[in-house]
Each structure stands twice: as structure tokens, then as C-alpha cells.
Protein backbone atom coordinates (compact mmCIF):
# COMPACT_ATOMS: atom_id res chain seq x y z
CA MET A 1 224.13 222.14 91.36
CA CYS A 2 226.04 219.99 93.86
CA TYR A 3 223.95 217.82 96.16
CA VAL A 4 225.31 216.32 99.37
CA ILE A 5 223.55 212.99 99.90
CA ILE A 6 224.08 211.01 103.09
CA THR A 7 222.03 207.91 103.87
CA GLY A 8 222.24 205.42 106.70
CA ARG A 9 223.16 202.61 104.33
CA SER A 10 225.84 204.58 102.53
CA LEU A 11 227.31 205.69 105.85
CA ALA A 12 227.32 202.10 107.13
CA TRP A 13 229.03 200.95 103.93
CA LEU A 14 231.64 203.70 104.21
CA LEU A 15 232.42 202.92 107.86
CA LEU A 16 232.64 199.19 107.15
CA SER A 17 235.01 199.87 104.26
CA LEU A 18 237.19 202.02 106.50
CA VAL A 19 237.29 199.32 109.20
CA ALA A 20 238.27 196.71 106.59
CA PHE A 21 241.12 198.92 105.35
CA MET A 22 242.40 199.54 108.89
CA LEU A 23 242.32 195.82 109.73
CA ILE A 24 244.27 194.87 106.61
CA LEU A 25 246.81 197.64 107.17
CA THR A 26 247.23 196.65 110.84
CA GLY A 27 247.77 193.02 109.89
CA ILE A 28 250.39 193.88 107.27
CA MET A 29 252.32 196.14 109.65
CA THR A 30 252.29 193.75 112.64
CA PRO A 31 255.01 191.07 113.03
CA LYS A 32 252.63 188.56 114.63
CA TRP A 33 251.76 186.23 111.75
CA LEU A 34 253.73 183.27 113.13
CA MET A 35 254.48 182.85 116.83
CA GLY A 36 257.45 180.77 117.99
CA GLN A 37 257.85 178.76 121.16
CA ALA A 38 257.51 180.77 124.35
CA GLU A 39 260.68 181.30 126.40
CA VAL A 40 261.23 182.44 129.96
CA ILE A 41 264.30 184.66 130.35
CA ASN A 42 265.86 185.78 133.64
CA LYS A 43 267.42 189.21 133.18
CA ASN A 44 268.72 191.22 136.14
CA ASN A 45 266.68 189.01 138.48
CA ILE A 46 263.58 189.83 136.47
CA THR A 47 261.66 187.04 134.76
CA VAL A 48 260.61 187.98 131.25
CA PHE A 49 258.09 186.00 129.20
CA TYR A 50 259.27 186.16 125.60
CA VAL A 51 257.65 184.87 122.38
CA PRO A 52 259.58 185.36 119.11
CA SER A 53 257.46 186.09 116.08
CA VAL A 54 257.63 186.85 112.38
CA GLY A 55 255.37 188.90 110.16
CA ILE A 56 254.94 189.25 106.44
CA TYR A 57 258.01 191.51 106.13
CA ASN A 58 259.30 192.01 109.71
CA ARG A 59 260.16 190.02 112.84
CA CYS A 60 260.62 190.24 116.59
CA MET A 61 263.44 188.23 118.13
CA LYS A 62 266.02 188.21 120.89
CA THR A 63 269.30 189.84 119.90
CA GLY A 64 272.15 190.54 122.29
CA ASN A 65 270.99 192.56 125.27
CA GLU A 66 267.62 193.32 123.73
CA THR A 67 264.93 190.89 124.81
CA ASN A 68 262.53 191.67 121.99
CA HIS A 69 264.09 193.45 119.02
CA CYS A 70 261.63 194.14 116.22
CA GLY A 71 262.62 195.22 112.75
CA SER A 72 262.21 194.64 109.04
CA PHE A 73 264.06 191.97 107.08
CA SER A 74 262.90 193.33 103.70
CA PHE A 75 265.85 195.71 103.48
CA TYR A 76 265.44 196.35 99.74
CA GLY A 77 261.73 195.74 99.47
CA LEU A 78 260.71 193.12 96.92
CA ALA A 79 264.31 193.17 95.59
CA THR A 80 265.62 191.70 98.88
CA ASP A 81 267.42 188.37 98.51
CA SER A 82 265.00 185.45 98.70
CA THR A 83 267.08 183.77 101.40
CA LEU A 84 266.26 186.71 103.68
CA TYR A 85 262.79 187.53 102.36
CA PRO A 86 261.02 184.40 101.03
CA THR A 87 259.57 184.80 97.54
CA PRO A 88 256.05 183.65 98.56
CA TRP A 89 256.00 186.37 101.23
CA LYS A 90 257.01 188.95 98.65
CA MET A 91 254.09 187.85 96.51
CA ALA A 92 251.72 187.88 99.49
CA MET A 93 252.94 191.34 100.47
CA PHE A 94 252.35 192.62 96.94
CA PHE A 95 248.78 191.29 96.69
CA LEU A 96 247.78 192.34 100.21
CA SER A 97 249.23 195.81 99.72
CA LEU A 98 247.32 196.04 96.44
CA CYS A 99 244.17 194.97 98.27
CA ALA A 100 244.73 197.66 100.92
CA ALA A 101 245.40 200.32 98.26
CA ILE A 102 242.21 199.45 96.38
CA GLN A 103 240.25 199.46 99.62
CA PHE A 104 241.61 202.88 100.51
CA SER A 105 240.61 204.13 97.07
CA SER A 106 237.10 202.74 97.69
CA VAL A 107 236.91 204.69 100.95
CA LEU A 108 237.90 207.88 99.11
CA CYS A 109 235.25 207.15 96.49
CA GLY A 110 232.72 206.71 99.30
CA VAL A 111 233.57 210.15 100.66
CA LEU A 112 233.38 211.73 97.20
CA ALA A 113 230.06 209.96 96.55
CA CYS A 114 228.43 212.24 99.11
CA CYS A 115 228.83 215.11 96.65
CA PHE A 116 229.37 213.42 93.27
CA GLN A 117 226.96 210.55 92.79
CA SER A 118 228.09 209.56 89.30
CA ILE A 119 231.08 209.70 87.00
CA PHE A 120 230.87 209.00 83.27
CA LYS A 121 227.20 208.15 83.90
CA LYS A 122 228.23 205.38 86.31
CA SER A 123 227.37 205.41 90.00
CA VAL A 124 230.44 206.16 92.14
CA ILE A 125 229.27 203.79 94.87
CA SER A 126 228.68 200.92 92.44
CA LEU A 127 232.12 201.47 90.90
CA ALA A 128 233.67 201.48 94.37
CA GLY A 129 231.86 198.22 95.17
CA ALA A 130 233.26 196.60 92.03
CA MET A 131 236.74 197.81 93.02
CA GLN A 132 236.26 196.26 96.45
CA ALA A 133 235.37 192.89 94.94
CA LEU A 134 238.56 192.99 92.87
CA GLY A 135 240.62 194.06 95.89
CA GLY A 136 239.11 191.26 97.95
CA LEU A 137 240.25 188.71 95.36
CA PHE A 138 243.79 190.10 95.59
CA GLY A 139 243.56 189.84 99.39
CA VAL A 140 242.47 186.20 99.27
CA LEU A 141 245.31 185.45 96.86
CA GLY A 142 247.80 187.01 99.27
CA LEU A 143 246.46 185.02 102.22
CA VAL A 144 246.59 181.77 100.25
CA ILE A 145 250.16 182.39 99.05
CA TYR A 146 251.56 183.41 102.45
CA PRO A 147 251.71 179.89 104.05
CA TRP A 148 253.61 178.70 100.99
CA GLY A 149 256.64 180.43 102.51
CA TRP A 150 256.56 178.40 105.73
CA GLY A 151 259.18 176.04 104.30
CA ALA A 152 261.80 178.80 104.05
CA LYS A 153 264.98 178.58 106.16
CA ARG A 154 263.98 181.74 108.04
CA VAL A 155 260.78 180.05 109.20
CA GLN A 156 262.52 176.74 109.99
CA LYS A 157 264.88 178.56 112.34
CA LEU A 158 261.86 179.80 114.26
CA CYS A 159 259.46 176.88 113.88
CA GLY A 160 261.76 173.86 113.56
CA ASP A 161 262.66 171.52 110.71
CA TYR A 162 259.09 170.21 110.51
CA SER A 163 257.97 173.56 109.15
CA GLN A 164 256.92 173.10 105.53
CA PRO A 165 254.69 174.98 103.06
CA TYR A 166 251.25 175.25 104.75
CA ILE A 167 252.57 173.40 107.83
CA PRO A 168 253.80 175.81 110.57
CA GLY A 169 255.80 173.17 112.48
CA ASP A 170 256.29 174.15 116.14
CA CYS A 171 254.90 177.64 115.57
CA SER A 172 251.35 178.81 116.07
CA ILE A 173 249.41 181.19 113.86
CA GLY A 174 249.48 184.72 115.25
CA TRP A 175 246.60 187.13 115.64
CA ALA A 176 247.80 189.38 112.81
CA LEU A 177 246.91 186.72 110.24
CA PHE A 178 243.37 186.47 111.62
CA VAL A 179 243.04 190.26 111.68
CA THR A 180 244.09 190.47 108.03
CA ALA A 181 241.73 187.64 107.05
CA THR A 182 238.88 189.42 108.86
CA GLY A 183 239.67 192.62 106.99
CA VAL A 184 239.62 190.80 103.64
CA ALA A 185 236.29 189.17 104.54
CA LEU A 186 234.84 192.59 105.38
CA VAL A 187 235.97 193.82 101.96
CA PHE A 188 233.56 191.35 100.35
CA VAL A 189 230.83 192.33 102.82
CA GLY A 190 231.40 195.96 101.89
CA SER A 191 231.23 195.10 98.18
CA ALA A 192 227.84 193.46 98.71
CA LEU A 193 226.62 196.31 100.90
CA SER A 194 227.55 198.86 98.24
CA LYS A 195 224.57 197.72 96.17
CA THR A 196 222.08 198.62 98.89
CA ALA A 197 223.98 201.85 99.60
CA ASP A 198 223.74 202.79 95.92
CA LYS A 199 220.00 202.09 95.87
CA ALA A 200 219.49 204.20 99.01
CA ALA A 201 221.38 207.12 97.47
CA ASN A 202 219.20 206.99 94.36
CA CYS A 203 215.82 206.21 95.90
CA ASP A 204 212.60 208.18 95.32
CA LYS A 205 212.91 209.98 98.68
CA VAL A 206 216.26 211.43 97.64
CA GLN A 207 214.92 212.47 94.25
CA PHE A 208 211.90 214.09 95.90
CA GLN A 209 214.10 216.22 98.16
CA MET A 210 216.29 217.15 95.20
CA ASP A 211 213.20 218.32 93.32
CA GLU A 212 212.35 220.49 96.33
CA GLY A 213 215.70 222.23 95.92
CA LYS A 214 217.44 220.80 98.99
CA GLN A 215 221.21 220.56 98.64
CA LEU A 216 221.90 218.68 101.89
CA ILE A 217 219.92 215.45 101.97
CA CYS A 218 220.14 213.14 104.99
CA LEU A 219 218.10 209.94 105.20
CA ALA A 220 218.12 207.18 107.80
């Protein structure tokens, strides 16, 4: 018999895990990791406030008639030449993408845990929590490696010659980096919360309602 078990703690863990995944994905996709010096451009008698920026695999810059042209510089993915796509950023992209993929898998496990509480005699929620801890470590590794690429020529063109590994030169850190770091931090929070969610899904109240023959069990 299939039981659908939904508790307040498991729902909170699932929502937190989903938010963490969305934050990490948003950070990866957004070219606002490093912000260059602000410029004021007069175009057709219109004053435009322009800030060039670079992300983990894309950038926004002024090209020709376009004030803010955004696009990817990782034309061939991780196989792109290192002069165009710095090697540390490739590594950071790999680890952060792996973190996001593991987190997404944890969210799917959280949804499946409503109907299938265990697999191979192991709790689905506890397994998902362990996966989250591993994914969080990959995320931290990606965040630590990323500033290593600040000494690349691509970054020096944007941030000046004083830009060195872990020193952004004339650039400022963009909001996308903070969003990604917040998402990775929430991954660890979700991993810790999975323990209480697992206990709530296997508490005596749930077992009592299962013994009564209820298939849909909802607890605060």
C-alpha cells in the first residue's frame, strides 16, 4: 500500500531545497559576478548609465552600436580556449553546476519521499540530505576557485592591471556571486533540516495514522 506522507517539516525542507537550487541556478546564469567601472554614455541626446560586467561563463559589454551586449564567451563549453575562458572559471562552473544538479536531484527525492519513504531500507529524505551535504561541498569548492581566475587577461581588461587572483582590482563584486553563495549556504541548511524532516515523517503520529488505514497523512 502506498502512503502519501506530508509534514510541516518535510514541506519546509523541500521548499528550502527548491529555493537553494533556484538561487544557485540564477547566480550561474547571470553575468553579474564582477562589475566594472560605471560609464555615462550620451547616445542620441540620451544619457545612458552603463556598467560592464562579467559572469562565470558570460559577459555584458559595450560593442558597436549596442550599449549593453550580453552573451557567452564559453563558445565550446569547457573545451573553449583558456585565453577566452579562464581555466579556474571552467573548474568553478563544473563544480557549481554539479552542486546545482545534486540539489535538483534532492528536490526530486523530496517530492518522491511523499509517496516512497524508503529505498533499499534507507530513508529517502536522509539520503537526499546526505546528497545535499556533498553538493554543498562542491558548491563551496566552486566559489573558492572562482576568484582564482581574476588574474586572467579577460578580467584585467575589465578591472585593470591590478586585478590578480583573489584581488578584483578596479572591479566590484556583483550581486550574482552573493546570490550563489546564499544558495550554497542554504544547501547546508537544507541538509541539516533533512534530519528533522525525516524524523517527522517517521514519528509515532504518522505510524498511528498508518495503522488506522489512512493513505493520505498530513501533519503540521
